[in-house]
Amino acid sequence: METCGRTMKALFEGTMVPQDEEQQKFVDEVNGRRAADSQYALCWLKYLKEINHKHVVYNLCSTSRSGAVEDYSEAEADE
């Protein structure tokens, strides 16, 4: 499968010229020139969606705030 991934990447980036009708179909599908229905194009599009999706993490509690600086005065430090 690793070889297929490298081939799909090269075809998608244009660093490899399609060698047959199936590869040309893949290029057309991933570039939106035809509806994606092959398993390779669907897999590649899913991969692209996943790597380009920004994952958001939600927390119930947070102890630190971005950019927050704790300021202690000398009086508090002497206690």
PDB file of N, CA and C in Angstrom:
ATOM      1  N   MET A   1       0.830  -1.201   0.000  1.00  0.00           N
ATOM      2  CA  MET A   1       0.000   0.000   0.000  1.00  0.00           C
ATOM      3  C   MET A   1       0.869   1.257   0.000  1.00  0.00           C
ATOM      4  N   GLU A   2       2.081   1.141   0.583  1.00  0.00           N
ATOM      5  CA  GLU A   2       2.980   2.291   0.619  1.00  0.00           C
ATOM      6  C   GLU A   2       3.326   2.769  -0.789  1.00  0.00           C
ATOM      7  N   THR A   3       3.515   1.820  -1.699  1.00  0.00           N
ATOM      8  CA  THR A   3       3.824   2.164  -3.085  1.00  0.00           C
ATOM      9  C   THR A   3       2.648   2.907  -3.717  1.00  0.00           C
ATOM     10  N   CYS A   4       1.437   2.463  -3.416  1.00  0.00           N
ATOM     11  CA  CYS A   4       0.243   3.138  -3.950  1.00  0.00           C
ATOM     12  C   CYS A   4       0.168   4.577  -3.449  1.00  0.00           C
ATOM     13  N   GLY A   5       0.476   4.775  -2.165  1.00  0.00           N
ATOM     14  CA  GLY A   5       0.439   6.119  -1.590  1.00  0.00           C
ATOM     15  C   GLY A   5       1.437   7.041  -2.256  1.00  0.00           C
ATOM     16  N   ARG A   6       2.622   6.528  -2.509  1.00  0.00           N
ATOM     17  CA  ARG A   6       3.637   7.343  -3.185  1.00  0.00           C
ATOM     18  C   ARG A   6       3.215   7.675  -4.602  1.00  0.00           C
ATOM     19  N   THR A   7       2.618   6.710  -5.283  1.00  0.00           N
ATOM     20  CA  THR A   7       2.146   6.936  -6.648  1.00  0.00           C
ATOM     21  C   THR A   7       1.021   7.961  -6.651  1.00  0.00           C
ATOM     22  N   MET A   8       0.065   7.831  -5.722  1.00  0.00           N
ATOM     23  CA  MET A   8      -1.045   8.782  -5.661  1.00  0.00           C
ATOM     24  C   MET A   8      -0.532  10.186  -5.376  1.00  0.00           C
ATOM     25  N   LYS A   9       0.430  10.304  -4.482  1.00  0.00           N
ATOM     26  CA  LYS A   9       0.998  11.610  -4.152  1.00  0.00           C
ATOM     27  C   LYS A   9       1.680  12.227  -5.367  1.00  0.00           C
ATOM     28  N   ALA A  10       2.472  11.437  -6.074  1.00  0.00           N
ATOM     29  CA  ALA A  10       3.177  11.929  -7.259  1.00  0.00           C
ATOM     30  C   ALA A  10       2.198  12.347  -8.355  1.00  0.00           C
ATOM     31  N   LEU A  11       1.147  11.563  -8.550  1.00  0.00           N
ATOM     32  CA  LEU A  11       0.131  11.918  -9.544  1.00  0.00           C
ATOM     33  C   LEU A  11      -0.593  13.196  -9.145  1.00  0.00           C
ATOM     34  N   PHE A  12      -0.943  13.297  -7.864  1.00  0.00           N
ATOM     35  CA  PHE A  12      -1.657  14.472  -7.368  1.00  0.00           C
ATOM     36  C   PHE A  12      -0.813  15.734  -7.510  1.00  0.00           C
ATOM     37  N   GLU A  13       0.474  15.635  -7.178  1.00  0.00           N
ATOM     38  CA  GLU A  13       1.362  16.798  -7.237  1.00  0.00           C
ATOM     39  C   GLU A  13       1.825  17.118  -8.654  1.00  0.00           C
ATOM     40  N   GLY A  14       1.602  16.193  -9.590  1.00  0.00           N
ATOM     41  CA  GLY A  14       2.011  16.420 -10.965  1.00  0.00           C
ATOM     42  C   GLY A  14       3.462  16.078 -11.240  1.00  0.00           C
ATOM     43  N   THR A  15       4.128  15.415 -10.296  1.00  0.00           N
ATOM     44  CA  THR A  15       5.519  15.020 -10.512  1.00  0.00           C
ATOM     45  C   THR A  15       5.620  13.699 -11.268  1.00  0.00           C
ATOM     46  N   MET A  16       4.484  13.064 -11.497  1.00  0.00           N
ATOM     47  CA  MET A  16       4.433  11.817 -12.270  1.00  0.00           C
ATOM     48  C   MET A  16       3.328  11.944 -13.308  1.00  0.00           C
ATOM     49  N   VAL A  17       3.617  11.514 -14.504  1.00  0.00           N
ATOM     50  CA  VAL A  17       2.636  11.535 -15.592  1.00  0.00           C
ATOM     51  C   VAL A  17       1.826  10.239 -15.522  1.00  0.00           C
ATOM     52  N   PRO A  18       0.499  10.328 -15.642  1.00  0.00           N
ATOM     53  CA  PRO A  18      -0.311   9.112 -15.612  1.00  0.00           C
ATOM     54  C   PRO A  18       0.140   8.122 -16.692  1.00  0.00           C
ATOM     55  N   GLN A  19       0.297   6.854 -16.294  1.00  0.00           N
ATOM     56  CA  GLN A  19       0.794   5.818 -17.193  1.00  0.00           C
ATOM     57  C   GLN A  19      -0.319   5.046 -17.902  1.00  0.00           C
ATOM     58  N   ASP A  20      -1.521   5.115 -17.352  1.00  0.00           N
ATOM     59  CA  ASP A  20      -2.626   4.386 -17.973  1.00  0.00           C
ATOM     60  C   ASP A  20      -3.938   5.115 -17.704  1.00  0.00           C
ATOM     61  N   GLU A  21      -5.004   4.534 -18.207  1.00  0.00           N
ATOM     62  CA  GLU A  21      -6.337   5.140 -18.078  1.00  0.00           C
ATOM     63  C   GLU A  21      -6.782   5.248 -16.615  1.00  0.00           C
ATOM     64  N   GLU A  22      -6.440   4.261 -15.813  1.00  0.00           N
ATOM     65  CA  GLU A  22      -6.826   4.258 -14.398  1.00  0.00           C
ATOM     66  C   GLU A  22      -6.147   5.410 -13.644  1.00  0.00           C
ATOM     67  N   GLN A  23      -4.873   5.633 -13.908  1.00  0.00           N
ATOM     68  CA  GLN A  23      -4.159   6.728 -13.258  1.00  0.00           C
ATOM     69  C   GLN A  23      -4.684   8.082 -13.736  1.00  0.00           C
ATOM     70  N   GLN A  24      -5.028   8.197 -14.999  1.00  0.00           N
ATOM     71  CA  GLN A  24      -5.596   9.444 -15.508  1.00  0.00           C
ATOM     72  C   GLN A  24      -6.948   9.714 -14.856  1.00  0.00           C
ATOM     73  N   LYS A  25      -7.733   8.658 -14.671  1.00  0.00           N
ATOM     74  CA  LYS A  25      -9.030   8.787 -14.001  1.00  0.00           C
ATOM     75  C   LYS A  25      -8.819   9.293 -12.570  1.00  0.00           C
ATOM     76  N   PHE A  26      -7.818   8.734 -11.867  1.00  0.00           N
ATOM     77  CA  PHE A  26      -7.500   9.169 -10.508  1.00  0.00           C
ATOM     78  C   PHE A  26      -7.181  10.674 -10.486  1.00  0.00           C
ATOM     79  N   VAL A  27      -6.325  11.113 -11.398  1.00  0.00           N
ATOM     80  CA  VAL A  27      -5.931  12.532 -11.471  1.00  0.00           C
ATOM     81  C   VAL A  27      -7.154  13.408 -11.705  1.00  0.00           C
ATOM     82  N   ASP A  28      -8.020  13.000 -12.622  1.00  0.00           N
ATOM     83  CA  ASP A  28      -9.227  13.774 -12.908  1.00  0.00           C
ATOM     84  C   ASP A  28     -10.163  13.832 -11.704  1.00  0.00           C
ATOM     85  N   GLU A  29     -10.269  12.726 -10.988  1.00  0.00           N
ATOM     86  CA  GLU A  29     -11.157  12.671  -9.819  1.00  0.00           C
ATOM     87  C   GLU A  29     -10.643  13.542  -8.676  1.00  0.00           C
ATOM     88  N   VAL A  30      -9.355  13.462  -8.365  1.00  0.00           N
ATOM     89  CA  VAL A  30      -8.841  14.227  -7.222  1.00  0.00           C
ATOM     90  C   VAL A  30      -8.709  15.714  -7.540  1.00  0.00           C
ATOM     91  N   ASN A  31      -8.702  16.063  -8.809  1.00  0.00           N
ATOM     92  CA  ASN A  31      -8.648  17.470  -9.192  1.00  0.00           C
ATOM     93  C   ASN A  31     -10.022  18.042  -9.508  1.00  0.00           C
ATOM     94  N   GLY A  32     -11.067  17.252  -9.293  1.00  0.00           N
ATOM     95  CA  GLY A  32     -12.434  17.734  -9.435  1.00  0.00           C
ATOM     96  C   GLY A  32     -12.935  17.819 -10.861  1.00  0.00           C
ATOM     97  N   ARG A  33     -12.236  17.223 -11.810  1.00  0.00           N
ATOM     98  CA  ARG A  33     -12.686  17.255 -13.205  1.00  0.00           C
ATOM     99  C   ARG A  33     -13.724  16.179 -13.494  1.00  0.00           C
ATOM    100  N   ARG A  34     -13.882  15.259 -12.555  1.00  0.00           N
ATOM    101  CA  ARG A  34     -14.927  14.243 -12.652  1.00  0.00           C
ATOM    102  C   ARG A  34     -15.253  13.786 -11.241  1.00  0.00           C
ATOM    103  N   ALA A  35     -16.444  13.248 -11.069  1.00  0.00           N
ATOM    104  CA  ALA A  35     -16.886  12.801  -9.739  1.00  0.00           C
ATOM    105  C   ALA A  35     -16.006  11.658  -9.250  1.00  0.00           C
ATOM    106  N   ALA A  36     -15.597  11.750  -7.999  1.00  0.00           N
ATOM    107  CA  ALA A  36     -14.737  10.720  -7.409  1.00  0.00           C
ATOM    108  C   ALA A  36     -15.575   9.493  -7.079  1.00  0.00           C
ATOM    109  N   ASP A  37     -15.240   8.372  -7.716  1.00  0.00           N
ATOM    110  CA  ASP A  37     -15.943   7.132  -7.394  1.00  0.00           C
ATOM    111  C   ASP A  37     -14.996   5.940  -7.262  1.00  0.00           C
ATOM    112  N   SER A  38     -13.737   6.101  -7.656  1.00  0.00           N
ATOM    113  CA  SER A  38     -12.797   4.998  -7.497  1.00  0.00           C
ATOM    114  C   SER A  38     -12.322   4.941  -6.041  1.00  0.00           C
ATOM    115  N   GLN A  39     -11.958   3.744  -5.592  1.00  0.00           N
ATOM    116  CA  GLN A  39     -11.520   3.592  -4.202  1.00  0.00           C
ATOM    117  C   GLN A  39     -10.249   4.385  -3.937  1.00  0.00           C
ATOM    118  N   TYR A  40      -9.380   4.532  -4.944  1.00  0.00           N
ATOM    119  CA  TYR A  40      -8.136   5.272  -4.754  1.00  0.00           C
ATOM    120  C   TYR A  40      -8.403   6.765  -4.583  1.00  0.00           C
ATOM    121  N   ALA A  41      -9.262   7.320  -5.410  1.00  0.00           N
ATOM    122  CA  ALA A  41      -9.576   8.745  -5.311  1.00  0.00           C
ATOM    123  C   ALA A  41     -10.304   9.053  -4.008  1.00  0.00           C
ATOM    124  N   LEU A  42     -11.246   8.215  -3.634  1.00  0.00           N
ATOM    125  CA  LEU A  42     -11.975   8.432  -2.381  1.00  0.00           C
ATOM    126  C   LEU A  42     -11.028   8.358  -1.191  1.00  0.00           C
ATOM    127  N   CYS A  43     -10.104   7.410  -1.227  1.00  0.00           N
ATOM    128  CA  CYS A  43      -9.118   7.273  -0.157  1.00  0.00           C
ATOM    129  C   CYS A  43      -8.212   8.502  -0.104  1.00  0.00           C
ATOM    130  N   TRP A  44      -7.743   8.965  -1.251  1.00  0.00           N
ATOM    131  CA  TRP A  44      -6.836  10.115  -1.300  1.00  0.00           C
ATOM    132  C   TRP A  44      -7.543  11.383  -0.812  1.00  0.00           C
ATOM    133  N   LEU A  45      -8.776  11.587  -1.239  1.00  0.00           N
ATOM    134  CA  LEU A  45      -9.521  12.768  -0.813  1.00  0.00           C
ATOM    135  C   LEU A  45      -9.784  12.738   0.690  1.00  0.00           C
ATOM    136  N   LYS A  46     -10.064  11.553   1.227  1.00  0.00           N
ATOM    137  CA  LYS A  46     -10.259  11.414   2.672  1.00  0.00           C
ATOM    138  C   LYS A  46      -8.957  11.737   3.402  1.00  0.00           C
ATOM    139  N   TYR A  47      -7.845  11.266   2.873  1.00  0.00           N
ATOM    140  CA  TYR A  47      -6.527  11.547   3.453  1.00  0.00           C
ATOM    141  C   TYR A  47      -6.260  13.053   3.463  1.00  0.00           C
ATOM    142  N   LEU A  48      -6.509  13.708   2.345  1.00  0.00           N
ATOM    143  CA  LEU A  48      -6.285  15.157   2.270  1.00  0.00           C
ATOM    144  C   LEU A  48      -7.159  15.906   3.263  1.00  0.00           C
ATOM    145  N   LYS A  49      -8.400  15.494   3.377  1.00  0.00           N
ATOM    146  CA  LYS A  49      -9.320  16.143   4.319  1.00  0.00           C
ATOM    147  C   LYS A  49      -8.805  15.992   5.747  1.00  0.00           C
ATOM    148  N   GLU A  50      -8.302  14.816   6.062  1.00  0.00           N
ATOM    149  CA  GLU A  50      -7.832  14.537   7.419  1.00  0.00           C
ATOM    150  C   GLU A  50      -6.569  15.329   7.755  1.00  0.00           C
ATOM    151  N   ILE A  51      -5.627  15.412   6.834  1.00  0.00           N
ATOM    152  CA  ILE A  51      -4.379  16.117   7.146  1.00  0.00           C
ATOM    153  C   ILE A  51      -4.547  17.632   7.107  1.00  0.00           C
ATOM    154  N   ASN A  52      -5.565  18.115   6.424  1.00  0.00           N
ATOM    155  CA  ASN A  52      -5.782  19.554   6.339  1.00  0.00           C
ATOM    156  C   ASN A  52      -6.814  20.060   7.335  1.00  0.00           C
ATOM    157  N   HIS A  53      -7.407  19.146   8.099  1.00  0.00           N
ATOM    158  CA  HIS A  53      -8.434  19.500   9.087  1.00  0.00           C
ATOM    159  C   HIS A  53      -7.765  19.902  10.395  1.00  0.00           C
ATOM    160  N   LYS A  54      -8.139  21.044  10.915  1.00  0.00           N
ATOM    161  CA  LYS A  54      -7.609  21.497  12.199  1.00  0.00           C
ATOM    162  C   LYS A  54      -8.449  20.882  13.305  1.00  0.00           C
ATOM    163  N   HIS A  55      -7.822  20.064  14.102  1.00  0.00           N
ATOM    164  CA  HIS A  55      -8.529  19.420  15.203  1.00  0.00           C
ATOM    165  C   HIS A  55      -8.646  20.381  16.380  1.00  0.00           C
ATOM    166  N   VAL A  56      -9.821  20.452  16.958  1.00  0.00           N
ATOM    167  CA  VAL A  56     -10.086  21.316  18.094  1.00  0.00           C
ATOM    168  C   VAL A  56     -10.253  20.436  19.324  1.00  0.00           C
ATOM    169  N   VAL A  57      -9.576  20.814  20.382  1.00  0.00           N
ATOM    170  CA  VAL A  57      -9.671  20.067  21.632  1.00  0.00           C
ATOM    171  C   VAL A  57     -10.381  20.947  22.653  1.00  0.00           C
ATOM    172  N   TYR A  58     -11.405  20.396  23.252  1.00  0.00           N
ATOM    173  CA  TYR A  58     -12.156  21.119  24.270  1.00  0.00           C
ATOM    174  C   TYR A  58     -11.818  20.547  25.638  1.00  0.00           C
ATOM    175  N   ASN A  59     -11.584  21.422  26.598  1.00  0.00           N
ATOM    176  CA  ASN A  59     -11.311  21.018  27.972  1.00  0.00           C
ATOM    177  C   ASN A  59     -12.402  21.559  28.877  1.00  0.00           C
ATOM    178  N   LEU A  60     -12.706  20.807  29.924  1.00  0.00           N
ATOM    179  CA  LEU A  60     -13.686  21.289  30.890  1.00  0.00           C
ATOM    180  C   LEU A  60     -13.070  22.330  31.812  1.00  0.00           C
ATOM    181  N   CYS A  61     -11.817  22.154  32.149  1.00  0.00           N
ATOM    182  CA  CYS A  61     -11.125  23.072  33.037  1.00  0.00           C
ATOM    183  C   CYS A  61      -9.761  23.385  32.456  1.00  0.00           C
ATOM    184  N   SER A  62      -9.318  24.583  32.732  1.00  0.00           N
ATOM    185  CA  SER A  62      -7.988  24.961  32.278  1.00  0.00           C
ATOM    186  C   SER A  62      -7.333  25.769  33.382  1.00  0.00           C
ATOM    187  N   THR A  63      -6.093  25.430  33.731  1.00  0.00           N
ATOM    188  CA  THR A  63      -5.418  26.140  34.808  1.00  0.00           C
ATOM    189  C   THR A  63      -4.523  27.247  34.283  1.00  0.00           C
ATOM    190  N   SER A  64      -4.262  27.247  32.999  1.00  0.00           N
ATOM    191  CA  SER A  64      -3.418  28.313  32.462  1.00  0.00           C
ATOM    192  C   SER A  64      -4.123  29.000  31.309  1.00  0.00           C
ATOM    193  N   ARG A  65      -3.856  30.272  31.193  1.00  0.00           N
ATOM    194  CA  ARG A  65      -4.422  31.050  30.112  1.00  0.00           C
ATOM    195  C   ARG A  65      -3.296  31.509  29.211  1.00  0.00           C
ATOM    196  N   SER A  66      -3.560  31.569  27.945  1.00  0.00           N
ATOM    197  CA  SER A  66      -2.556  32.016  26.991  1.00  0.00           C
ATOM    198  C   SER A  66      -2.197  33.463  27.258  1.00  0.00           C
ATOM    199  N   GLY A  67      -0.926  33.714  27.431  1.00  0.00           N
ATOM    200  CA  GLY A  67      -0.458  35.081  27.644  1.00  0.00           C
ATOM    201  C   GLY A  67      -0.615  35.576  29.070  1.00  0.00           C
ATOM    202  N   ALA A  68      -1.137  34.740  29.965  1.00  0.00           N
ATOM    203  CA  ALA A  68      -1.326  35.179  31.347  1.00  0.00           C
ATOM    204  C   ALA A  68       0.013  35.187  32.072  1.00  0.00           C
ATOM    205  N   VAL A  69       0.258  36.254  32.804  1.00  0.00           N
ATOM    206  CA  VAL A  69       1.496  36.378  33.579  1.00  0.00           C
ATOM    207  C   VAL A  69       1.104  36.622  35.023  1.00  0.00           C
ATOM    208  N   GLU A  70       1.662  35.800  35.900  1.00  0.00           N
ATOM    209  CA  GLU A  70       1.367  35.984  37.316  1.00  0.00           C
ATOM    210  C   GLU A  70       2.286  37.064  37.858  1.00  0.00           C
ATOM    211  N   ASP A  71       1.723  37.994  38.599  1.00  0.00           N
ATOM    212  CA  ASP A  71       2.493  39.121  39.130  1.00  0.00           C
ATOM    213  C   ASP A  71       2.411  39.083  40.648  1.00  0.00           C
ATOM    214  N   TYR A  72       3.523  38.874  41.282  1.00  0.00           N
ATOM    215  CA  TYR A  72       3.578  38.874  42.733  1.00  0.00           C
ATOM    216  C   TYR A  72       4.339  40.114  43.178  1.00  0.00           C
ATOM    217  N   SER A  73       3.769  40.805  44.134  1.00  0.00           N
ATOM    218  CA  SER A  73       4.465  41.973  44.653  1.00  0.00           C
ATOM    219  C   SER A  73       5.474  41.525  45.703  1.00  0.00           C
ATOM    220  N   GLU A  74       6.393  42.415  46.060  1.00  0.00           N
ATOM    221  CA  GLU A  74       7.402  42.086  47.080  1.00  0.00           C
ATOM    222  C   GLU A  74       6.754  41.788  48.417  1.00  0.00           C
ATOM    223  N   ALA A  75       5.651  42.453  48.734  1.00  0.00           N
ATOM    224  CA  ALA A  75       4.978  42.234  50.016  1.00  0.00           C
ATOM    225  C   ALA A  75       4.483  40.802  50.117  1.00  0.00           C
ATOM    226  N   GLU A  76       3.935  40.246  49.014  1.00  0.00           N
ATOM    227  CA  GLU A  76       3.449  38.873  49.035  1.00  0.00           C
ATOM    228  C   GLU A  76       4.617  37.897  49.114  1.00  0.00           C
ATOM    229  N   ALA A  77       5.725  38.228  48.498  1.00  0.00           N
ATOM    230  CA  ALA A  77       6.890  37.343  48.493  1.00  0.00           C
ATOM    231  C   ALA A  77       7.506  37.238  49.863  1.00  0.00           C
ATOM    232  N   ASP A  78       7.403  38.292  50.695  1.00  0.00           N
ATOM    233  CA  ASP A  78       8.014  38.287  52.027  1.00  0.00           C
ATOM    234  C   ASP A  78       7.195  37.479  53.018  1.00  0.00           C
ATOM    235  N   GLU A  79       5.951  37.190  52.719  1.00  0.00           N
ATOM    236  CA  GLU A  79       5.075  36.479  53.659  1.00  0.00           C
ATOM    237  C   GLU A  79       5.420  35.050  53.803  1.00  0.00           C
TER     238      GLU A  79
END
